Amino acid sequence: MFTVLTSESLIVLKMISVSESHTKKARPGQMIGGGPCYVLLSLGQIELVQEIREIVAAAADKDAG
């Protein structure tokens, strides 16, 4: 499953914490489990998306800069 994120979604991704049921210490875009799955917040729902490292990295770079 892939989700197309707008720049607005990426802002939400950075600002809102990840589902408590996964891990209370997780951050948006952080790798969880043993695979390349990221927890992304899109349209109010938590979704697992694979192979989207570039978008997550871009969001992190914007946040850091």
Protein backbone atom coordinates (compact mmCIF):
# COMPACT_ATOMS: atom_id res chain seq x y z
CA MET A 1 0.00 0.00 0.00
CA PHE A 2 1.31 3.42 -0.93
CA THR A 3 0.06 6.81 0.12
CA VAL A 4 0.72 10.03 -1.76
CA LEU A 5 1.49 12.75 0.74
CA THR A 6 1.15 16.44 0.11
CA SER A 7 3.43 18.96 1.77
CA GLU A 8 0.54 19.68 4.15
CA SER A 9 0.44 16.01 5.14
CA LEU A 10 4.16 16.05 5.83
CA ILE A 11 3.71 18.95 8.24
CA VAL A 12 1.05 16.95 10.07
CA LEU A 13 3.37 13.93 9.98
CA LYS A 14 6.05 15.88 11.81
CA MET A 15 3.78 17.54 14.36
CA ILE A 16 1.54 14.69 15.55
CA SER A 17 2.84 11.73 17.54
CA VAL A 18 2.46 8.12 16.46
CA SER A 19 -0.21 5.75 17.72
CA GLU A 20 0.34 4.78 21.34
CA SER A 21 -0.55 1.18 20.59
CA HIS A 22 2.60 0.76 18.49
CA THR A 23 5.09 2.37 20.81
CA LYS A 24 4.83 5.38 23.07
CA LYS A 25 8.36 6.49 22.23
CA ALA A 26 8.01 6.33 18.45
CA ARG A 27 8.25 9.45 16.33
CA PRO A 28 6.60 10.13 12.96
CA GLY A 29 8.68 8.62 10.17
CA GLN A 30 10.64 6.38 12.52
CA MET A 31 11.32 2.81 11.41
CA ILE A 32 9.44 0.21 13.42
CA GLY A 33 9.69 -3.57 13.48
CA GLY A 34 12.27 -5.40 11.38
CA GLY A 35 11.31 -4.10 7.94
CA PRO A 36 11.42 -0.82 5.99
CA CYS A 37 7.99 0.27 7.19
CA TYR A 38 7.35 3.79 8.38
CA VAL A 39 4.48 5.01 10.48
CA LEU A 40 2.93 7.87 8.56
CA LEU A 41 0.01 10.00 9.55
CA SER A 42 -2.29 10.80 6.65
CA LEU A 43 -5.86 12.08 6.82
CA GLY A 44 -6.08 11.22 10.51
CA GLN A 45 -5.17 7.56 10.03
CA ILE A 46 -1.99 5.66 10.86
CA GLU A 47 -0.72 3.74 7.84
CA LEU A 48 2.30 1.53 7.25
CA VAL A 49 4.04 2.50 4.03
CA GLN A 50 7.07 0.78 2.53
CA GLU A 51 9.81 2.27 0.36
CA ILE A 52 8.99 5.89 1.11
CA ARG A 53 12.25 6.77 2.84
CA GLU A 54 12.92 9.71 0.54
CA ILE A 55 9.71 11.53 1.48
CA VAL A 56 10.29 10.90 5.17
CA ALA A 57 13.90 12.07 4.87
CA ALA A 58 12.78 15.22 3.06
CA ALA A 59 10.34 15.98 5.87
CA ALA A 60 13.07 15.46 8.45
CA ASP A 61 15.42 17.76 6.53
CA LYS A 62 12.79 20.51 6.40
CA ASP A 63 12.16 20.10 10.11
CA ALA A 64 15.88 20.27 10.93
CA GLY A 65 16.47 23.23 8.64
